[in-house]
């Protein structure tokens, strides 16, 4: 599978990853949960392998983009009925 299809497939499961991280690390800080999500998604995408094979040419920019995607998913989930009601 090429890198782009793998990336798009990973994007499809980011909401489930975020939800699972929240369930596992609910008492941790937001930064800790985000780092866990980045690590999990990074492993699923085999980012290290993609960097080595030059599918990713700017690792920092890629991580930044992935971080923004995760932030966006968290914003969407927090704005939905999924969020806990006060």
N, C-alpha and C. Protein backbone atom coordinates (compact mmCIF):
# COMPACT_ATOMS: atom_id res chain seq x y z
N UNK A 1 0.86 -1.17 0.00
CA UNK A 1 0.00 0.00 0.00
C UNK A 1 0.90 1.22 0.00
N UNK A 2 0.62 2.18 -0.88
CA UNK A 2 1.36 3.42 -0.92
C UNK A 2 1.11 4.26 0.33
N UNK A 3 1.94 5.30 0.50
CA UNK A 3 1.84 6.10 1.71
C UNK A 3 0.54 6.90 1.79
N UNK A 4 0.09 7.49 0.70
CA UNK A 4 -1.14 8.30 0.74
C UNK A 4 -2.36 7.48 1.15
N UNK A 5 -2.60 6.31 0.56
CA UNK A 5 -3.73 5.50 1.03
C UNK A 5 -3.61 5.11 2.51
N UNK A 6 -2.37 4.84 2.96
CA UNK A 6 -2.15 4.50 4.36
C UNK A 6 -2.49 5.69 5.25
N UNK A 7 -2.09 6.89 4.83
CA UNK A 7 -2.37 8.11 5.58
C UNK A 7 -3.87 8.35 5.67
N UNK A 8 -4.57 8.24 4.56
CA UNK A 8 -6.02 8.46 4.55
C UNK A 8 -6.75 7.41 5.40
N UNK A 9 -6.26 6.19 5.37
CA UNK A 9 -6.85 5.14 6.19
C UNK A 9 -6.64 5.47 7.67
N UNK A 10 -5.46 5.98 8.02
CA UNK A 10 -5.17 6.35 9.41
C UNK A 10 -6.08 7.48 9.87
N UNK A 11 -6.33 8.45 9.00
CA UNK A 11 -7.22 9.56 9.35
C UNK A 11 -8.61 9.05 9.72
N UNK A 12 -9.03 7.97 9.09
CA UNK A 12 -10.36 7.43 9.36
C UNK A 12 -10.48 6.89 10.78
N UNK A 13 -9.38 6.43 11.37
CA UNK A 13 -9.50 5.86 12.72
C UNK A 13 -9.01 6.81 13.81
N UNK A 14 -8.62 8.04 13.47
CA UNK A 14 -8.17 8.98 14.50
C UNK A 14 -9.25 9.26 15.54
N UNK A 15 -10.53 9.43 15.18
CA UNK A 15 -11.54 9.63 16.23
C UNK A 15 -11.59 8.46 17.23
N UNK A 16 -11.46 7.25 16.75
CA UNK A 16 -11.46 6.09 17.65
C UNK A 16 -10.22 6.09 18.54
N UNK A 17 -9.08 6.50 17.99
CA UNK A 17 -7.85 6.58 18.78
C UNK A 17 -8.02 7.63 19.88
N UNK A 18 -8.53 8.80 19.51
CA UNK A 18 -8.72 9.87 20.49
C UNK A 18 -9.67 9.42 21.59
N UNK A 19 -10.75 8.76 21.21
CA UNK A 19 -11.72 8.28 22.19
C UNK A 19 -11.07 7.25 23.12
N UNK A 20 -10.31 6.33 22.54
CA UNK A 20 -9.64 5.31 23.35
C UNK A 20 -8.60 5.90 24.29
N UNK A 21 -7.85 6.87 23.81
CA UNK A 21 -6.85 7.54 24.65
C UNK A 21 -7.54 8.25 25.80
N UNK A 22 -8.66 8.89 25.51
CA UNK A 22 -9.42 9.58 26.56
C UNK A 22 -9.89 8.58 27.62
N UNK A 23 -10.34 7.43 27.18
CA UNK A 23 -10.80 6.41 28.13
C UNK A 23 -9.64 5.87 28.97
N UNK A 24 -8.49 5.68 28.36
CA UNK A 24 -7.34 5.13 29.07
C UNK A 24 -6.63 6.14 29.95
N UNK A 25 -6.53 7.38 29.47
CA UNK A 25 -5.73 8.40 30.15
C UNK A 25 -6.55 9.61 30.55
N UNK A 26 -7.81 9.41 30.88
CA UNK A 26 -8.72 10.50 31.20
C UNK A 26 -8.23 11.44 32.28
N UNK A 27 -7.45 10.94 33.22
CA UNK A 27 -6.98 11.78 34.33
C UNK A 27 -5.66 12.48 34.01
N UNK A 28 -5.07 12.21 32.87
CA UNK A 28 -3.81 12.85 32.46
C UNK A 28 -4.10 14.20 31.83
N UNK A 29 -3.05 14.98 31.64
CA UNK A 29 -3.21 16.30 31.01
C UNK A 29 -3.53 16.13 29.52
N UNK A 30 -4.07 17.19 28.96
CA UNK A 30 -4.37 17.18 27.53
C UNK A 30 -3.12 16.95 26.69
N UNK A 31 -2.01 17.55 27.11
CA UNK A 31 -0.74 17.38 26.39
C UNK A 31 -0.28 15.92 26.42
N UNK A 32 -0.44 15.27 27.57
CA UNK A 32 -0.06 13.86 27.68
C UNK A 32 -0.93 12.98 26.77
N UNK A 33 -2.24 13.28 26.76
CA UNK A 33 -3.15 12.49 25.92
C UNK A 33 -2.85 12.72 24.44
N UNK A 34 -2.54 13.97 24.08
CA UNK A 34 -2.20 14.27 22.69
C UNK A 34 -0.93 13.53 22.29
N UNK A 35 0.07 13.52 23.16
CA UNK A 35 1.31 12.82 22.85
C UNK A 35 1.07 11.33 22.68
N UNK A 36 0.20 10.77 23.51
CA UNK A 36 -0.13 9.34 23.37
C UNK A 36 -0.82 9.08 22.04
N UNK A 37 -1.73 9.96 21.65
CA UNK A 37 -2.43 9.80 20.37
C UNK A 37 -1.44 9.93 19.21
N UNK A 38 -0.54 10.92 19.28
CA UNK A 38 0.47 11.09 18.23
C UNK A 38 1.36 9.85 18.12
N UNK A 39 1.74 9.32 19.25
CA UNK A 39 2.59 8.13 19.26
C UNK A 39 1.88 6.94 18.64
N UNK A 40 0.62 6.75 19.03
CA UNK A 40 -0.15 5.61 18.51
C UNK A 40 -0.36 5.73 17.01
N UNK A 41 -0.79 6.91 16.57
CA UNK A 41 -1.04 7.12 15.13
C UNK A 41 0.28 7.04 14.37
N UNK A 42 1.34 7.60 14.94
CA UNK A 42 2.65 7.52 14.30
C UNK A 42 3.11 6.09 14.10
N UNK A 43 2.87 5.26 15.11
CA UNK A 43 3.23 3.85 14.99
C UNK A 43 2.37 3.17 13.92
N UNK A 44 1.10 3.48 13.92
CA UNK A 44 0.19 2.86 12.93
C UNK A 44 0.59 3.25 11.51
N UNK A 45 1.07 4.47 11.34
CA UNK A 45 1.49 4.92 10.01
C UNK A 45 2.91 4.51 9.67
N UNK A 46 3.62 3.95 10.63
CA UNK A 46 5.03 3.60 10.43
C UNK A 46 5.82 4.82 9.96
N UNK A 47 5.70 5.91 10.73
CA UNK A 47 6.34 7.17 10.35
C UNK A 47 7.84 7.01 10.19
N UNK A 48 8.49 6.29 11.09
CA UNK A 48 9.94 6.10 10.99
C UNK A 48 10.31 5.45 9.67
N UNK A 49 9.54 4.45 9.28
CA UNK A 49 9.76 3.76 8.01
C UNK A 49 9.51 4.70 6.84
N UNK A 50 8.47 5.53 6.94
CA UNK A 50 8.14 6.47 5.87
C UNK A 50 9.23 7.53 5.71
N UNK A 51 9.83 7.94 6.82
CA UNK A 51 10.94 8.91 6.76
C UNK A 51 12.14 8.26 6.08
N UNK A 52 12.44 7.04 6.46
CA UNK A 52 13.60 6.33 5.89
C UNK A 52 13.44 6.11 4.40
N UNK A 53 12.21 5.85 3.96
CA UNK A 53 11.99 5.60 2.53
C UNK A 53 11.68 6.88 1.76
N UNK A 54 11.79 8.01 2.43
CA UNK A 54 11.60 9.34 1.83
C UNK A 54 10.17 9.63 1.41
N UNK A 55 9.19 8.86 1.95
CA UNK A 55 7.79 9.22 1.74
C UNK A 55 7.48 10.49 2.52
N UNK A 56 8.16 10.69 3.65
CA UNK A 56 8.04 11.91 4.44
C UNK A 56 9.41 12.59 4.37
N UNK A 57 9.45 13.79 3.80
CA UNK A 57 10.73 14.48 3.64
C UNK A 57 10.97 15.53 4.72
N UNK A 58 9.92 15.94 5.43
CA UNK A 58 10.06 16.90 6.53
C UNK A 58 9.28 16.36 7.73
N UNK A 59 9.97 15.61 8.57
CA UNK A 59 9.32 14.92 9.69
C UNK A 59 8.66 15.88 10.67
N UNK A 60 9.31 17.01 10.94
CA UNK A 60 8.73 17.97 11.90
C UNK A 60 7.43 18.57 11.36
N UNK A 61 7.41 18.90 10.10
CA UNK A 61 6.21 19.46 9.48
C UNK A 61 5.09 18.41 9.46
N UNK A 62 5.45 17.17 9.18
CA UNK A 62 4.45 16.10 9.17
C UNK A 62 3.86 15.91 10.56
N UNK A 63 4.71 15.87 11.59
CA UNK A 63 4.23 15.74 12.97
C UNK A 63 3.33 16.92 13.33
N UNK A 64 3.70 18.12 12.89
CA UNK A 64 2.87 19.30 13.14
C UNK A 64 1.50 19.18 12.50
N UNK A 65 1.47 18.69 11.28
CA UNK A 65 0.20 18.49 10.60
C UNK A 65 -0.66 17.44 11.27
N UNK A 66 -0.03 16.36 11.66
CA UNK A 66 -0.74 15.30 12.37
C UNK A 66 -1.28 15.81 13.69
N UNK A 67 -0.51 16.63 14.36
CA UNK A 67 -0.94 17.24 15.61
C UNK A 67 -2.19 18.11 15.40
N UNK A 68 -2.22 18.86 14.31
CA UNK A 68 -3.38 19.70 14.00
C UNK A 68 -4.62 18.85 13.71
N UNK A 69 -4.41 17.74 13.02
CA UNK A 69 -5.54 16.83 12.73
C UNK A 69 -6.12 16.31 14.04
N UNK A 70 -5.26 15.89 14.95
CA UNK A 70 -5.73 15.38 16.24
C UNK A 70 -6.44 16.48 17.01
N UNK A 71 -5.89 17.71 17.01
CA UNK A 71 -6.56 18.83 17.68
C UNK A 71 -7.94 19.06 17.09
N UNK A 72 -8.05 18.98 15.77
CA UNK A 72 -9.34 19.18 15.12
C UNK A 72 -10.35 18.11 15.49
N UNK A 73 -9.89 16.87 15.56
CA UNK A 73 -10.79 15.78 15.96
C UNK A 73 -11.26 15.99 17.39
N UNK A 74 -10.35 16.39 18.28
CA UNK A 74 -10.72 16.65 19.67
C UNK A 74 -11.74 17.79 19.73
N UNK A 75 -11.51 18.87 18.97
CA UNK A 75 -12.47 19.98 18.94
C UNK A 75 -13.85 19.51 18.48
N UNK A 76 -13.89 18.70 17.43
CA UNK A 76 -15.17 18.19 16.92
C UNK A 76 -15.87 17.32 17.96
N UNK A 77 -15.11 16.43 18.57
CA UNK A 77 -15.71 15.55 19.58
C UNK A 77 -16.19 16.34 20.78
N UNK A 78 -15.41 17.33 21.22
CA UNK A 78 -15.81 18.14 22.37
C UNK A 78 -17.02 19.01 22.07
N UNK A 79 -17.25 19.32 20.82
CA UNK A 79 -18.40 20.15 20.44
C UNK A 79 -19.64 19.31 20.16
N UNK A 80 -19.51 18.00 20.26
CA UNK A 80 -20.63 17.12 19.93
C UNK A 80 -21.26 16.54 21.19
N UNK A 81 -22.25 15.72 20.99
CA UNK A 81 -22.91 15.06 22.12
C UNK A 81 -22.00 14.05 22.79
N UNK A 82 -20.87 13.74 22.16
CA UNK A 82 -19.90 12.82 22.74
C UNK A 82 -19.32 13.40 24.03
N UNK A 83 -19.19 14.73 24.08
CA UNK A 83 -18.59 15.39 25.26
C UNK A 83 -19.47 15.20 26.47
N UNK A 84 -18.85 15.13 27.61
CA UNK A 84 -19.59 14.98 28.86
C UNK A 84 -20.38 16.26 29.14
N UNK A 85 -21.57 16.09 29.58
CA UNK A 85 -22.39 17.25 29.95
C UNK A 85 -22.07 17.66 31.37
N UNK A 86 -22.01 18.97 31.62
CA UNK A 86 -21.74 19.48 32.99
C UNK A 86 -22.95 19.34 33.86
